[in-house]
Amino acid sequence: MLYLLICFFSIITMASESLNKSDQAQIMKTMEQQENCWNKGDIDCFMEGYWESEQMRFIGKNGVTYGWQATLDRYKKSYPNKAAMGILGFDIISLEKLSKKKALMIGKWHLERNEQENLEGHFSLIWEKINKEWVIIVDHSS
């Protein structure tokens, strides 16, 4: 019984720890890179922040897109040119550690466009540290 209590409290303590500064910096650098790539009109560069796997998922207003390539194709169809892409900005609300190799980010995105309506919404990203790099494995944007 004592063993179970120790395990329980260890799990609670680990889950409540925050990300170390190096991991936070790497994730924030990727977010900044995504903004820069998008704002240059380079969707391929933007996608470098995502896990290049068929297990990656993007959830949006039209449902779930499974896989990195399908997500890339979806972005290119939805944003066929620089004018449609506009200028992207992120406001990070929170970034918290879920486990040693997983983190959850919640934020707001906004897209300023000259020729079309501006867009904005919220997102939640699940990050995973794979091969020493933090990548987005699940993106839920609305």
N, C-alpha and C. Protein backbone atom coordinates (compact mmCIF):
# COMPACT_ATOMS: atom_id res chain seq x y z
N MET A 1 0.83 -1.20 0.00
CA MET A 1 0.00 0.00 0.00
C MET A 1 0.86 1.25 0.00
N LEU A 2 1.90 1.25 0.82
CA LEU A 2 2.81 2.40 0.87
C LEU A 2 3.46 2.61 -0.49
N TYR A 3 3.82 1.51 -1.14
CA TYR A 3 4.43 1.59 -2.48
C TYR A 3 3.49 2.29 -3.46
N LEU A 4 2.20 1.94 -3.43
CA LEU A 4 1.22 2.57 -4.33
C LEU A 4 1.08 4.06 -4.05
N LEU A 5 1.08 4.45 -2.78
CA LEU A 5 1.00 5.87 -2.44
C LEU A 5 2.22 6.63 -2.93
N ILE A 6 3.38 6.05 -2.78
CA ILE A 6 4.61 6.69 -3.26
C ILE A 6 4.57 6.85 -4.78
N CYS A 7 4.14 5.83 -5.47
CA CYS A 7 4.01 5.90 -6.94
C CYS A 7 3.02 6.98 -7.34
N PHE A 8 1.88 7.03 -6.68
CA PHE A 8 0.85 8.01 -6.99
C PHE A 8 1.40 9.43 -6.82
N PHE A 9 2.03 9.71 -5.70
CA PHE A 9 2.56 11.05 -5.45
C PHE A 9 3.71 11.39 -6.39
N SER A 10 4.49 10.40 -6.80
CA SER A 10 5.56 10.65 -7.76
C SER A 10 4.99 11.06 -9.11
N ILE A 11 3.93 10.40 -9.52
CA ILE A 11 3.28 10.73 -10.80
C ILE A 11 2.68 12.13 -10.74
N ILE A 12 1.99 12.45 -9.66
CA ILE A 12 1.40 13.77 -9.48
C ILE A 12 2.48 14.85 -9.52
N THR A 13 3.57 14.63 -8.81
CA THR A 13 4.66 15.60 -8.77
C THR A 13 5.29 15.78 -10.14
N MET A 14 5.55 14.69 -10.85
CA MET A 14 6.16 14.78 -12.17
C MET A 14 5.26 15.54 -13.12
N ALA A 15 3.97 15.27 -13.10
CA ALA A 15 3.03 15.90 -14.02
C ALA A 15 2.90 17.39 -13.74
N SER A 16 3.09 17.79 -12.50
CA SER A 16 2.90 19.20 -12.17
C SER A 16 4.16 20.03 -12.38
N GLU A 17 5.30 19.39 -12.66
CA GLU A 17 6.53 20.13 -12.93
C GLU A 17 6.39 20.90 -14.24
N SER A 18 7.06 22.01 -14.32
CA SER A 18 7.01 22.76 -15.56
C SER A 18 8.15 22.31 -16.48
N LEU A 19 8.03 22.65 -17.73
CA LEU A 19 9.08 22.34 -18.70
C LEU A 19 10.35 23.08 -18.32
N ASN A 20 11.49 22.48 -18.58
CA ASN A 20 12.72 23.21 -18.31
C ASN A 20 12.89 24.31 -19.36
N LYS A 21 13.75 25.25 -19.07
CA LYS A 21 13.91 26.43 -19.92
C LYS A 21 14.38 26.07 -21.33
N SER A 22 15.20 25.06 -21.45
CA SER A 22 15.69 24.64 -22.77
C SER A 22 14.54 24.11 -23.64
N ASP A 23 13.68 23.28 -23.04
CA ASP A 23 12.54 22.74 -23.79
C ASP A 23 11.56 23.86 -24.16
N GLN A 24 11.30 24.75 -23.21
CA GLN A 24 10.41 25.89 -23.51
C GLN A 24 10.97 26.71 -24.66
N ALA A 25 12.27 26.98 -24.61
CA ALA A 25 12.91 27.80 -25.66
C ALA A 25 12.81 27.12 -27.01
N GLN A 26 13.01 25.80 -27.05
CA GLN A 26 12.94 25.09 -28.33
C GLN A 26 11.52 25.15 -28.91
N ILE A 27 10.53 24.97 -28.07
CA ILE A 27 9.14 25.03 -28.53
C ILE A 27 8.80 26.44 -29.02
N MET A 28 9.19 27.44 -28.25
CA MET A 28 8.89 28.82 -28.64
C MET A 28 9.64 29.22 -29.92
N LYS A 29 10.84 28.71 -30.09
CA LYS A 29 11.60 28.97 -31.33
C LYS A 29 10.88 28.37 -32.53
N THR A 30 10.33 27.18 -32.36
CA THR A 30 9.57 26.55 -33.45
C THR A 30 8.33 27.36 -33.78
N MET A 31 7.64 27.86 -32.77
CA MET A 31 6.45 28.70 -33.01
C MET A 31 6.84 29.97 -33.78
N GLU A 32 7.95 30.58 -33.39
CA GLU A 32 8.42 31.78 -34.08
C GLU A 32 8.80 31.46 -35.53
N GLN A 33 9.45 30.31 -35.72
CA GLN A 33 9.82 29.89 -37.08
C GLN A 33 8.57 29.66 -37.91
N GLN A 34 7.54 29.06 -37.32
CA GLN A 34 6.30 28.84 -38.06
C GLN A 34 5.67 30.16 -38.49
N GLU A 35 5.64 31.14 -37.60
CA GLU A 35 5.13 32.47 -37.97
C GLU A 35 5.92 33.04 -39.13
N ASN A 36 7.25 33.00 -39.03
CA ASN A 36 8.11 33.57 -40.07
C ASN A 36 7.91 32.86 -41.41
N CYS A 37 7.85 31.53 -41.38
CA CYS A 37 7.66 30.77 -42.63
C CYS A 37 6.32 31.11 -43.26
N TRP A 38 5.27 31.12 -42.45
CA TRP A 38 3.93 31.43 -42.95
C TRP A 38 3.91 32.82 -43.58
N ASN A 39 4.49 33.77 -42.88
CA ASN A 39 4.44 35.16 -43.33
C ASN A 39 5.28 35.41 -44.58
N LYS A 40 6.18 34.47 -44.91
CA LYS A 40 6.93 34.51 -46.17
C LYS A 40 6.17 33.78 -47.28
N GLY A 41 5.06 33.13 -46.91
CA GLY A 41 4.30 32.36 -47.89
C GLY A 41 4.83 30.96 -48.12
N ASP A 42 5.60 30.42 -47.17
CA ASP A 42 6.26 29.13 -47.33
C ASP A 42 5.62 28.08 -46.41
N ILE A 43 4.60 27.41 -46.94
CA ILE A 43 3.88 26.40 -46.16
C ILE A 43 4.76 25.19 -45.87
N ASP A 44 5.62 24.82 -46.82
CA ASP A 44 6.51 23.68 -46.58
C ASP A 44 7.41 23.94 -45.36
N CYS A 45 7.95 25.12 -45.27
CA CYS A 45 8.77 25.51 -44.11
C CYS A 45 7.92 25.51 -42.84
N PHE A 46 6.71 26.05 -42.92
CA PHE A 46 5.79 26.07 -41.78
C PHE A 46 5.57 24.67 -41.22
N MET A 47 5.46 23.69 -42.10
CA MET A 47 5.18 22.31 -41.69
C MET A 47 6.35 21.63 -41.00
N GLU A 48 7.54 22.23 -41.01
CA GLU A 48 8.69 21.63 -40.34
C GLU A 48 8.48 21.51 -38.83
N GLY A 49 7.54 22.28 -38.27
CA GLY A 49 7.26 22.20 -36.85
C GLY A 49 6.40 20.99 -36.46
N TYR A 50 5.86 20.31 -37.46
CA TYR A 50 4.99 19.16 -37.22
C TYR A 50 5.77 17.86 -37.32
N TRP A 51 5.27 16.84 -36.64
CA TRP A 51 5.83 15.50 -36.72
C TRP A 51 5.55 14.95 -38.10
N GLU A 52 6.59 14.61 -38.83
CA GLU A 52 6.41 14.10 -40.19
C GLU A 52 6.09 12.61 -40.12
N SER A 53 4.81 12.34 -39.85
CA SER A 53 4.33 10.98 -39.65
C SER A 53 2.87 10.90 -40.06
N GLU A 54 2.47 9.74 -40.48
CA GLU A 54 1.05 9.53 -40.81
C GLU A 54 0.21 9.44 -39.54
N GLN A 55 0.84 9.43 -38.37
CA GLN A 55 0.12 9.42 -37.10
C GLN A 55 -0.18 10.82 -36.58
N MET A 56 0.44 11.84 -37.19
CA MET A 56 0.15 13.22 -36.80
C MET A 56 -1.30 13.54 -37.13
N ARG A 57 -1.94 14.38 -36.30
CA ARG A 57 -3.34 14.72 -36.54
C ARG A 57 -3.56 16.23 -36.47
N PHE A 58 -4.41 16.71 -37.37
CA PHE A 58 -4.86 18.09 -37.35
C PHE A 58 -6.38 18.08 -37.24
N ILE A 59 -6.91 18.78 -36.25
CA ILE A 59 -8.35 18.85 -36.06
C ILE A 59 -8.78 20.29 -36.28
N GLY A 60 -9.69 20.49 -37.21
CA GLY A 60 -10.20 21.82 -37.52
C GLY A 60 -11.71 21.79 -37.67
N LYS A 61 -12.26 22.86 -38.22
CA LYS A 61 -13.72 22.96 -38.34
C LYS A 61 -14.33 21.90 -39.25
N ASN A 62 -13.52 21.33 -40.15
CA ASN A 62 -14.03 20.31 -41.06
C ASN A 62 -13.74 18.89 -40.61
N GLY A 63 -13.25 18.73 -39.38
CA GLY A 63 -12.99 17.39 -38.87
C GLY A 63 -11.50 17.12 -38.70
N VAL A 64 -11.15 15.84 -38.69
CA VAL A 64 -9.78 15.40 -38.42
C VAL A 64 -9.08 15.07 -39.73
N THR A 65 -7.87 15.59 -39.86
CA THR A 65 -6.99 15.23 -40.97
C THR A 65 -5.89 14.38 -40.36
N TYR A 66 -5.69 13.19 -40.93
CA TYR A 66 -4.69 12.26 -40.42
C TYR A 66 -3.45 12.30 -41.29
N GLY A 67 -2.31 12.55 -40.68
CA GLY A 67 -1.04 12.47 -41.37
C GLY A 67 -0.46 13.81 -41.78
N TRP A 68 0.89 13.83 -41.79
CA TRP A 68 1.63 15.04 -42.13
C TRP A 68 1.35 15.47 -43.56
N GLN A 69 1.44 14.55 -44.50
CA GLN A 69 1.25 14.91 -45.91
C GLN A 69 -0.17 15.40 -46.17
N ALA A 70 -1.15 14.75 -45.59
CA ALA A 70 -2.54 15.18 -45.77
C ALA A 70 -2.76 16.57 -45.17
N THR A 71 -2.08 16.86 -44.07
CA THR A 71 -2.18 18.19 -43.44
C THR A 71 -1.53 19.23 -44.34
N LEU A 72 -0.37 18.92 -44.88
CA LEU A 72 0.29 19.83 -45.83
C LEU A 72 -0.61 20.10 -47.02
N ASP A 73 -1.19 19.06 -47.59
CA ASP A 73 -2.08 19.21 -48.75
C ASP A 73 -3.30 20.07 -48.39
N ARG A 74 -3.84 19.89 -47.20
CA ARG A 74 -4.98 20.67 -46.74
C ARG A 74 -4.63 22.14 -46.62
N TYR A 75 -3.47 22.43 -46.03
CA TYR A 75 -3.02 23.82 -45.92
C TYR A 75 -2.87 24.44 -47.31
N LYS A 76 -2.24 23.73 -48.23
CA LYS A 76 -2.00 24.29 -49.57
C LYS A 76 -3.30 24.52 -50.32
N LYS A 77 -4.29 23.68 -50.11
CA LYS A 77 -5.59 23.87 -50.75
C LYS A 77 -6.33 25.06 -50.13
N SER A 78 -6.29 25.17 -48.81
CA SER A 78 -7.00 26.25 -48.11
C SER A 78 -6.33 27.60 -48.29
N TYR A 79 -5.01 27.60 -48.48
CA TYR A 79 -4.24 28.85 -48.60
C TYR A 79 -3.37 28.75 -49.85
N PRO A 80 -3.97 28.93 -51.04
CA PRO A 80 -3.26 28.69 -52.30
C PRO A 80 -2.21 29.74 -52.67
N ASN A 81 -2.23 30.91 -52.02
CA ASN A 81 -1.26 31.95 -52.37
C ASN A 81 -0.98 32.84 -51.16
N LYS A 82 -0.01 33.72 -51.31
CA LYS A 82 0.41 34.59 -50.22
C LYS A 82 -0.72 35.50 -49.74
N ALA A 83 -1.55 35.99 -50.66
CA ALA A 83 -2.66 36.86 -50.27
C ALA A 83 -3.64 36.11 -49.36
N ALA A 84 -3.93 34.86 -49.67
CA ALA A 84 -4.83 34.06 -48.84
C ALA A 84 -4.20 33.75 -47.48
N MET A 85 -2.87 33.60 -47.48
CA MET A 85 -2.16 33.28 -46.23
C MET A 85 -2.11 34.47 -45.29
N GLY A 86 -1.94 35.67 -45.82
CA GLY A 86 -1.89 36.86 -44.98
C GLY A 86 -0.73 36.84 -44.01
N ILE A 87 -0.90 37.53 -42.90
CA ILE A 87 0.13 37.63 -41.86
C ILE A 87 -0.39 36.91 -40.62
N LEU A 88 0.34 35.90 -40.19
CA LEU A 88 -0.05 35.05 -39.06
C LEU A 88 0.64 35.52 -37.78
N GLY A 89 -0.11 35.52 -36.70
CA GLY A 89 0.46 35.80 -35.39
C GLY A 89 -0.11 34.85 -34.35
N PHE A 90 0.71 34.51 -33.38
CA PHE A 90 0.29 33.64 -32.29
C PHE A 90 0.36 34.39 -30.96
N ASP A 91 -0.60 34.17 -30.10
CA ASP A 91 -0.55 34.62 -28.71
C ASP A 91 -0.62 33.36 -27.86
N ILE A 92 0.44 33.09 -27.12
CA ILE A 92 0.50 31.87 -26.30
C ILE A 92 -0.16 32.15 -24.95
N ILE A 93 -1.14 31.33 -24.62
CA ILE A 93 -1.85 31.47 -23.35
C ILE A 93 -1.16 30.62 -22.27
N SER A 94 -0.82 29.39 -22.61
CA SER A 94 -0.14 28.53 -21.64
C SER A 94 0.68 27.46 -22.34
N LEU A 95 1.70 27.00 -21.64
CA LEU A 95 2.53 25.89 -22.09
C LEU A 95 2.85 25.07 -20.84
N GLU A 96 2.38 23.83 -20.84
CA GLU A 96 2.58 23.02 -19.64
C GLU A 96 3.06 21.62 -19.99
N LYS A 97 3.83 21.09 -19.09
CA LYS A 97 4.38 19.74 -19.23
C LYS A 97 3.29 18.72 -18.92
N LEU A 98 3.13 17.75 -19.80
CA LEU A 98 2.21 16.64 -19.55
C LEU A 98 2.96 15.41 -19.03
N SER A 99 4.16 15.22 -19.54
CA SER A 99 5.03 14.13 -19.11
C SER A 99 6.45 14.52 -19.48
N LYS A 100 7.38 13.62 -19.30
CA LYS A 100 8.78 13.93 -19.60
C LYS A 100 8.97 14.34 -21.06
N LYS A 101 8.18 13.76 -21.96
CA LYS A 101 8.36 14.01 -23.39
C LYS A 101 7.13 14.59 -24.08
N LYS A 102 6.16 15.07 -23.31
CA LYS A 102 4.96 15.65 -23.91
C LYS A 102 4.61 16.96 -23.22
N ALA A 103 4.07 17.89 -24.02
CA ALA A 103 3.66 19.19 -23.50
C ALA A 103 2.39 19.62 -24.22
N LEU A 104 1.64 20.48 -23.55
CA LEU A 104 0.39 21.03 -24.10
C LEU A 104 0.52 22.54 -24.18
N MET A 105 0.25 23.08 -25.35
CA MET A 105 0.24 24.53 -25.55
C MET A 105 -1.16 24.95 -25.92
N ILE A 106 -1.64 26.03 -25.31
CA ILE A 106 -2.93 26.62 -25.66
C ILE A 106 -2.65 28.06 -26.05
N GLY A 107 -3.31 28.48 -27.12
CA GLY A 107 -3.07 29.84 -27.57
C GLY A 107 -4.14 30.34 -28.51
N LYS A 108 -3.87 31.51 -29.04
CA LYS A 108 -4.77 32.15 -29.99
C LYS A 108 -3.98 32.47 -31.26
N TRP A 109 -4.61 32.29 -32.40
CA TRP A 109 -3.98 32.65 -33.67
C TRP A 109 -4.81 33.74 -34.34
N HIS A 110 -4.15 34.56 -35.10
CA HIS A 110 -4.85 35.59 -35.87
C HIS A 110 -4.17 35.75 -37.21
N LEU A 111 -4.99 35.94 -38.22
CA LEU A 111 -4.53 36.04 -39.60
C LEU A 111 -5.05 37.34 -40.18
N GLU A 112 -4.14 38.26 -40.49
CA GLU A 112 -4.52 39.53 -41.10
C GLU A 112 -4.35 39.43 -42.60
N ARG A 113 -5.43 39.73 -43.32
CA ARG A 113 -5.38 39.64 -44.78
C ARG A 113 -5.97 40.92 -45.38
N ASN A 114 -5.35 41.40 -46.44
CA ASN A 114 -5.81 42.63 -47.09
C ASN A 114 -7.03 42.42 -47.97
N GLU A 115 -6.98 41.38 -48.79
CA GLU A 115 -8.02 41.18 -49.81
C GLU A 115 -9.19 40.33 -49.31
N GLN A 116 -9.01 39.65 -48.23
CA GLN A 116 -10.05 38.78 -47.69
C GLN A 116 -10.28 39.11 -46.22
N GLU A 117 -11.32 38.52 -45.69
CA GLU A 117 -11.66 38.72 -44.27
C GLU A 117 -10.53 38.22 -43.36
N ASN A 118 -10.24 38.99 -42.31
CA ASN A 118 -9.29 38.53 -41.31
C ASN A 118 -9.90 37.36 -40.55
N LEU A 119 -9.05 36.47 -40.07
CA LEU A 119 -9.50 35.29 -39.34
C LEU A 119 -8.78 35.22 -38.00
N GLU A 120 -9.43 34.58 -37.02
CA GLU A 120 -8.78 34.32 -35.75
C GLU A 120 -9.48 33.17 -35.06
N GLY A 121 -8.78 32.59 -34.13
CA GLY A 121 -9.34 31.48 -33.37
C GLY A 121 -8.36 31.04 -32.30
N HIS A 122 -8.65 29.91 -31.72
CA HIS A 122 -7.81 29.35 -30.66
C HIS A 122 -7.22 28.03 -31.13
N PHE A 123 -6.17 27.61 -30.45
CA PHE A 123 -5.55 26.32 -30.78
C PHE A 123 -5.06 25.64 -29.51
N SER A 124 -4.98 24.33 -29.59
CA SER A 124 -4.27 23.55 -28.59
C SER A 124 -3.34 22.62 -29.37
N LEU A 125 -2.11 22.58 -28.94
CA LEU A 125 -1.09 21.75 -29.59
C LEU A 125 -0.52 20.77 -28.58
N ILE A 126 -0.44 19.53 -28.98
CA ILE A 126 0.28 18.55 -28.17
C ILE A 126 1.64 18.38 -28.84
N TRP A 127 2.68 18.64 -28.05
CA TRP A 127 4.06 18.52 -28.50
C TRP A 127 4.65 17.25 -27.93
N GLU A 128 5.55 16.64 -28.70
CA GLU A 128 6.28 15.49 -28.19
C GLU A 128 7.75 15.64 -28.57
N LYS A 129 8.61 15.26 -27.65
CA LYS A 129 10.05 15.29 -27.91
C LYS A 129 10.43 13.97 -28.56
N ILE A 130 10.75 14.05 -29.85
CA ILE A 130 11.10 12.87 -30.64
C ILE A 130 12.50 13.11 -31.22
N ASN A 131 13.40 12.18 -30.97
CA ASN A 131 14.79 12.33 -31.43
C ASN A 131 15.38 13.68 -31.01
N LYS A 132 15.15 14.05 -29.77
CA LYS A 132 15.68 15.27 -29.14
C LYS A 132 15.10 16.57 -29.71
N GLU A 133 14.05 16.48 -30.50
CA GLU A 133 13.40 17.66 -31.07
C GLU A 133 11.93 17.68 -30.66
N TRP A 134 11.42 18.85 -30.27
CA TRP A 134 10.00 19.01 -29.95
C TRP A 134 9.24 19.26 -31.26
N VAL A 135 8.23 18.42 -31.50
CA VAL A 135 7.40 18.56 -32.70
C VAL A 135 5.92 18.48 -32.30
N ILE A 136 5.08 19.06 -33.13
CA ILE A 136 3.64 19.03 -32.90
C ILE A 136 3.12 17.69 -33.40
N ILE A 137 2.45 16.95 -32.52
CA ILE A 137 1.88 15.67 -32.94
C ILE A 137 0.37 15.76 -33.10
N VAL A 138 -0.27 16.72 -32.42
CA VAL A 138 -1.71 16.96 -32.56
C VAL A 138 -1.92 18.47 -32.54
N ASP A 139 -2.67 18.95 -33.53
CA ASP A 139 -3.02 20.38 -33.63
C ASP A 139 -4.53 20.47 -33.71
N HIS A 140 -5.14 21.11 -32.74
CA HIS A 140 -6.59 21.37 -32.78
C HIS A 140 -6.76 22.88 -32.86
N SER A 141 -7.13 23.35 -34.04
CA SER A 141 -7.30 24.78 -34.28
C SER A 141 -8.73 25.07 -34.70
N SER A 142 -9.30 26.10 -34.09
CA SER A 142 -10.67 26.46 -34.45
C SER A 142 -10.78 27.96 -34.59
